[in-house]
Amino acid sequence: MKSHTILAGVAVLSVLSISVAYAADESDPPLPRFRPWQQVWQCNDIRVTITARDPFSVEYDFGGTIWGGAHFTVIKGQLFFNERPCLPLQPVGYW
């Protein structure tokens, strides 16, 4: 239990030191405000929904049937399923 407390303390201190270092240089422009977004793709019979609700996580929802292995790749914003391009069903949406 003590090691968890020490690790948590180190993590908090590292975040604080980064925040202080960033705040110290006020000549930099402010970071853009995060906006949640969502993409929906159709890959053969698989529908892929990619959602970002906060700046620290991305959710992937796969609907349909996947037989055997499945390989998804993103190249320059285009989603591929087993080396075949997927069809975007909607542009990147912001809430």
N, C-alpha and C. Protein backbone atom coordinates (compact mmCIF):
# COMPACT_ATOMS: atom_id res chain seq x y z
N MET A 1 0.82 -1.19 0.00
CA MET A 1 0.00 0.00 0.00
C MET A 1 0.86 1.25 0.00
N LYS A 2 1.99 1.20 0.72
CA LYS A 2 2.87 2.34 0.82
C LYS A 2 3.47 2.69 -0.55
N SER A 3 3.79 1.66 -1.36
CA SER A 3 4.37 1.91 -2.69
C SER A 3 3.36 2.61 -3.60
N HIS A 4 2.04 2.28 -3.46
CA HIS A 4 1.02 2.94 -4.26
C HIS A 4 0.94 4.42 -3.90
N THR A 5 1.05 4.73 -2.62
CA THR A 5 1.00 6.12 -2.16
C THR A 5 2.20 6.90 -2.68
N ILE A 6 3.36 6.29 -2.64
CA ILE A 6 4.57 6.95 -3.14
C ILE A 6 4.46 7.20 -4.63
N LEU A 7 4.00 6.19 -5.39
CA LEU A 7 3.86 6.34 -6.84
C LEU A 7 2.83 7.42 -7.18
N ALA A 8 1.73 7.46 -6.43
CA ALA A 8 0.72 8.48 -6.67
C ALA A 8 1.29 9.87 -6.38
N GLY A 9 2.08 9.98 -5.31
CA GLY A 9 2.69 11.26 -4.97
C GLY A 9 3.66 11.72 -6.05
N VAL A 10 4.45 10.80 -6.59
CA VAL A 10 5.39 11.14 -7.66
C VAL A 10 4.63 11.60 -8.90
N ALA A 11 3.54 10.91 -9.22
CA ALA A 11 2.74 11.28 -10.39
C ALA A 11 2.15 12.68 -10.23
N VAL A 12 1.63 12.98 -9.05
CA VAL A 12 1.05 14.31 -8.79
C VAL A 12 2.13 15.38 -8.90
N LEU A 13 3.29 15.13 -8.31
CA LEU A 13 4.37 16.12 -8.37
C LEU A 13 4.84 16.36 -9.80
N SER A 14 4.92 15.30 -10.60
CA SER A 14 5.37 15.48 -11.99
C SER A 14 4.35 16.30 -12.78
N VAL A 15 3.06 16.06 -12.56
CA VAL A 15 2.03 16.86 -13.24
C VAL A 15 2.10 18.30 -12.79
N LEU A 16 2.27 18.54 -11.50
CA LEU A 16 2.36 19.90 -10.99
C LEU A 16 3.58 20.62 -11.54
N SER A 17 4.71 19.93 -11.62
CA SER A 17 5.92 20.59 -12.13
C SER A 17 5.76 20.94 -13.60
N ILE A 18 5.09 20.09 -14.37
CA ILE A 18 4.85 20.40 -15.78
C ILE A 18 3.91 21.59 -15.89
N SER A 19 2.86 21.62 -15.06
CA SER A 19 1.91 22.74 -15.08
C SER A 19 2.59 24.04 -14.73
N VAL A 20 3.43 24.02 -13.71
CA VAL A 20 4.13 25.22 -13.28
C VAL A 20 5.10 25.68 -14.37
N ALA A 21 5.81 24.75 -15.00
CA ALA A 21 6.75 25.11 -16.06
C ALA A 21 6.01 25.74 -17.24
N TYR A 22 4.84 25.20 -17.57
CA TYR A 22 4.08 25.77 -18.68
C TYR A 22 3.54 27.15 -18.31
N ALA A 23 3.01 27.28 -17.09
CA ALA A 23 2.44 28.55 -16.66
C ALA A 23 3.51 29.63 -16.56
N ALA A 24 4.74 29.25 -16.32
CA ALA A 24 5.81 30.23 -16.15
C ALA A 24 6.12 30.94 -17.46
N ASP A 25 5.89 30.30 -18.60
CA ASP A 25 6.17 30.91 -19.89
C ASP A 25 4.86 31.45 -20.47
N GLU A 26 4.53 32.68 -20.15
CA GLU A 26 3.26 33.26 -20.58
C GLU A 26 3.29 33.79 -22.01
N SER A 27 4.44 33.73 -22.67
CA SER A 27 4.51 34.21 -24.04
C SER A 27 3.90 33.22 -25.03
N ASP A 28 3.75 31.96 -24.60
CA ASP A 28 3.14 30.96 -25.47
C ASP A 28 1.63 31.21 -25.57
N PRO A 29 1.04 30.95 -26.74
CA PRO A 29 -0.41 31.11 -26.85
C PRO A 29 -1.12 30.05 -26.01
N PRO A 30 -2.33 30.33 -25.56
CA PRO A 30 -3.05 29.33 -24.75
C PRO A 30 -3.39 28.10 -25.58
N LEU A 31 -3.46 26.97 -24.91
CA LEU A 31 -3.83 25.73 -25.60
C LEU A 31 -5.29 25.81 -26.04
N PRO A 32 -5.63 25.22 -27.20
CA PRO A 32 -7.02 25.26 -27.64
C PRO A 32 -7.89 24.44 -26.69
N ARG A 33 -9.12 24.86 -26.53
CA ARG A 33 -10.07 24.16 -25.67
C ARG A 33 -10.47 22.85 -26.34
N PHE A 34 -10.52 21.77 -25.57
CA PHE A 34 -10.90 20.46 -26.11
C PHE A 34 -12.37 20.47 -26.50
N ARG A 35 -12.67 19.86 -27.64
CA ARG A 35 -14.05 19.69 -28.08
C ARG A 35 -14.29 18.21 -28.32
N PRO A 36 -15.28 17.61 -27.66
CA PRO A 36 -15.58 16.19 -27.91
C PRO A 36 -15.89 15.98 -29.40
N TRP A 37 -15.55 14.80 -29.92
CA TRP A 37 -15.79 14.51 -31.32
C TRP A 37 -16.14 13.05 -31.51
N GLN A 38 -16.70 12.74 -32.69
CA GLN A 38 -17.09 11.36 -33.00
C GLN A 38 -16.95 11.13 -34.50
N GLN A 39 -16.49 9.93 -34.87
CA GLN A 39 -16.43 9.48 -36.26
C GLN A 39 -17.16 8.16 -36.35
N VAL A 40 -17.88 7.94 -37.46
CA VAL A 40 -18.55 6.66 -37.70
C VAL A 40 -18.10 6.16 -39.07
N TRP A 41 -17.64 4.91 -39.11
CA TRP A 41 -17.12 4.30 -40.33
C TRP A 41 -17.86 2.99 -40.60
N GLN A 42 -18.02 2.65 -41.89
CA GLN A 42 -18.54 1.35 -42.27
C GLN A 42 -17.43 0.59 -42.96
N CYS A 43 -17.07 -0.58 -42.42
CA CYS A 43 -16.00 -1.42 -42.95
C CYS A 43 -16.60 -2.78 -43.27
N ASN A 44 -17.04 -2.97 -44.52
CA ASN A 44 -17.80 -4.16 -44.90
C ASN A 44 -19.00 -4.28 -43.99
N ASP A 45 -19.14 -5.36 -43.23
CA ASP A 45 -20.30 -5.48 -42.33
C ASP A 45 -19.99 -5.02 -40.90
N ILE A 46 -18.88 -4.35 -40.70
CA ILE A 46 -18.48 -3.86 -39.38
C ILE A 46 -18.70 -2.35 -39.34
N ARG A 47 -19.41 -1.88 -38.33
CA ARG A 47 -19.54 -0.44 -38.12
C ARG A 47 -18.64 -0.06 -36.95
N VAL A 48 -17.78 0.94 -37.18
CA VAL A 48 -16.83 1.39 -36.17
C VAL A 48 -17.21 2.82 -35.77
N THR A 49 -17.44 3.01 -34.48
CA THR A 49 -17.72 4.34 -33.95
C THR A 49 -16.56 4.72 -33.04
N ILE A 50 -15.93 5.86 -33.32
CA ILE A 50 -14.79 6.35 -32.54
C ILE A 50 -15.25 7.63 -31.87
N THR A 51 -15.14 7.68 -30.53
CA THR A 51 -15.65 8.81 -29.76
C THR A 51 -14.59 9.30 -28.79
N ALA A 52 -14.42 10.60 -28.72
CA ALA A 52 -13.55 11.22 -27.71
C ALA A 52 -14.43 12.15 -26.88
N ARG A 53 -14.65 11.77 -25.63
CA ARG A 53 -15.48 12.57 -24.72
C ARG A 53 -14.66 13.54 -23.88
N ASP A 54 -13.37 13.24 -23.74
CA ASP A 54 -12.46 14.10 -22.98
C ASP A 54 -11.09 14.04 -23.64
N PRO A 55 -10.17 14.92 -23.27
CA PRO A 55 -8.88 14.96 -23.96
C PRO A 55 -7.94 13.80 -23.66
N PHE A 56 -8.32 12.90 -22.76
CA PHE A 56 -7.39 11.85 -22.33
C PHE A 56 -7.80 10.45 -22.75
N SER A 57 -8.94 10.30 -23.45
CA SER A 57 -9.36 8.94 -23.81
C SER A 57 -10.10 8.95 -25.14
N VAL A 58 -10.04 7.81 -25.83
CA VAL A 58 -10.77 7.59 -27.07
C VAL A 58 -11.47 6.24 -26.94
N GLU A 59 -12.76 6.20 -27.26
CA GLU A 59 -13.54 4.96 -27.18
C GLU A 59 -13.75 4.41 -28.59
N TYR A 60 -13.65 3.09 -28.71
CA TYR A 60 -13.90 2.42 -29.98
C TYR A 60 -15.05 1.44 -29.77
N ASP A 61 -16.08 1.53 -30.63
CA ASP A 61 -17.21 0.61 -30.56
C ASP A 61 -17.31 -0.11 -31.90
N PHE A 62 -17.22 -1.44 -31.86
CA PHE A 62 -17.29 -2.25 -33.07
C PHE A 62 -18.61 -2.99 -33.07
N GLY A 63 -19.40 -2.81 -34.13
CA GLY A 63 -20.66 -3.52 -34.27
C GLY A 63 -20.63 -4.38 -35.51
N GLY A 64 -21.17 -5.57 -35.43
CA GLY A 64 -21.17 -6.49 -36.58
C GLY A 64 -20.48 -7.78 -36.22
N THR A 65 -20.10 -8.52 -37.23
CA THR A 65 -19.49 -9.82 -37.03
C THR A 65 -18.07 -9.81 -37.56
N ILE A 66 -17.13 -10.22 -36.72
CA ILE A 66 -15.74 -10.35 -37.14
C ILE A 66 -15.36 -11.83 -37.04
N TRP A 67 -15.07 -12.44 -38.19
CA TRP A 67 -14.64 -13.84 -38.22
C TRP A 67 -13.13 -13.87 -38.37
N GLY A 68 -12.49 -14.64 -37.54
CA GLY A 68 -11.03 -14.72 -37.62
C GLY A 68 -10.40 -13.44 -37.11
N GLY A 69 -9.25 -13.10 -37.62
CA GLY A 69 -8.54 -11.90 -37.18
C GLY A 69 -9.07 -10.65 -37.85
N ALA A 70 -8.88 -9.54 -37.19
CA ALA A 70 -9.27 -8.25 -37.74
C ALA A 70 -8.12 -7.28 -37.51
N HIS A 71 -7.79 -6.52 -38.54
CA HIS A 71 -6.67 -5.59 -38.48
C HIS A 71 -7.19 -4.22 -38.91
N PHE A 72 -7.22 -3.26 -37.97
CA PHE A 72 -7.65 -1.89 -38.28
C PHE A 72 -6.43 -0.99 -38.26
N THR A 73 -6.36 -0.07 -39.24
CA THR A 73 -5.24 0.86 -39.36
C THR A 73 -5.80 2.23 -39.74
N VAL A 74 -5.19 3.29 -39.21
CA VAL A 74 -5.52 4.65 -39.63
C VAL A 74 -4.28 5.24 -40.30
N ILE A 75 -4.47 5.68 -41.56
CA ILE A 75 -3.39 6.31 -42.31
C ILE A 75 -3.90 7.66 -42.80
N LYS A 76 -3.28 8.73 -42.31
CA LYS A 76 -3.65 10.10 -42.69
C LYS A 76 -5.15 10.34 -42.55
N GLY A 77 -5.74 9.86 -41.45
CA GLY A 77 -7.15 10.10 -41.18
C GLY A 77 -8.11 9.12 -41.84
N GLN A 78 -7.63 8.22 -42.67
CA GLN A 78 -8.46 7.22 -43.35
C GLN A 78 -8.37 5.90 -42.60
N LEU A 79 -9.53 5.29 -42.26
CA LEU A 79 -9.57 4.02 -41.55
C LEU A 79 -9.56 2.87 -42.57
N PHE A 80 -8.73 1.86 -42.29
CA PHE A 80 -8.64 0.67 -43.13
C PHE A 80 -8.96 -0.57 -42.28
N PHE A 81 -9.66 -1.53 -42.87
CA PHE A 81 -9.98 -2.80 -42.23
C PHE A 81 -9.39 -3.91 -43.10
N ASN A 82 -8.42 -4.63 -42.55
CA ASN A 82 -7.72 -5.67 -43.31
C ASN A 82 -7.22 -5.13 -44.65
N GLU A 83 -6.55 -3.97 -44.59
CA GLU A 83 -5.93 -3.28 -45.73
C GLU A 83 -6.93 -2.73 -46.75
N ARG A 84 -8.24 -2.78 -46.50
CA ARG A 84 -9.24 -2.20 -47.40
C ARG A 84 -9.81 -0.93 -46.77
N PRO A 85 -9.98 0.15 -47.55
CA PRO A 85 -10.48 1.40 -46.97
C PRO A 85 -11.92 1.26 -46.49
N CYS A 86 -12.20 1.93 -45.38
CA CYS A 86 -13.56 1.99 -44.84
C CYS A 86 -14.23 3.26 -45.34
N LEU A 87 -15.55 3.26 -45.34
CA LEU A 87 -16.33 4.40 -45.81
C LEU A 87 -16.75 5.25 -44.62
N PRO A 88 -16.37 6.54 -44.60
CA PRO A 88 -16.84 7.39 -43.50
C PRO A 88 -18.33 7.67 -43.69
N LEU A 89 -19.13 7.41 -42.65
CA LEU A 89 -20.58 7.63 -42.74
C LEU A 89 -20.97 9.05 -42.39
N GLN A 90 -20.11 9.74 -41.69
CA GLN A 90 -20.35 11.14 -41.36
C GLN A 90 -18.99 11.81 -41.16
N PRO A 91 -18.92 13.11 -41.43
CA PRO A 91 -17.66 13.79 -41.15
C PRO A 91 -17.43 13.85 -39.65
N VAL A 92 -16.23 14.23 -39.26
CA VAL A 92 -15.93 14.35 -37.84
C VAL A 92 -16.95 15.29 -37.22
N GLY A 93 -17.65 14.82 -36.20
CA GLY A 93 -18.68 15.63 -35.57
C GLY A 93 -18.24 16.16 -34.22
N TYR A 94 -18.57 17.42 -33.98
CA TYR A 94 -18.29 18.03 -32.67
C TYR A 94 -19.62 18.22 -31.97
N TRP A 95 -19.58 18.10 -30.65
CA TRP A 95 -20.80 18.31 -29.86
C TRP A 95 -20.85 19.69 -29.32
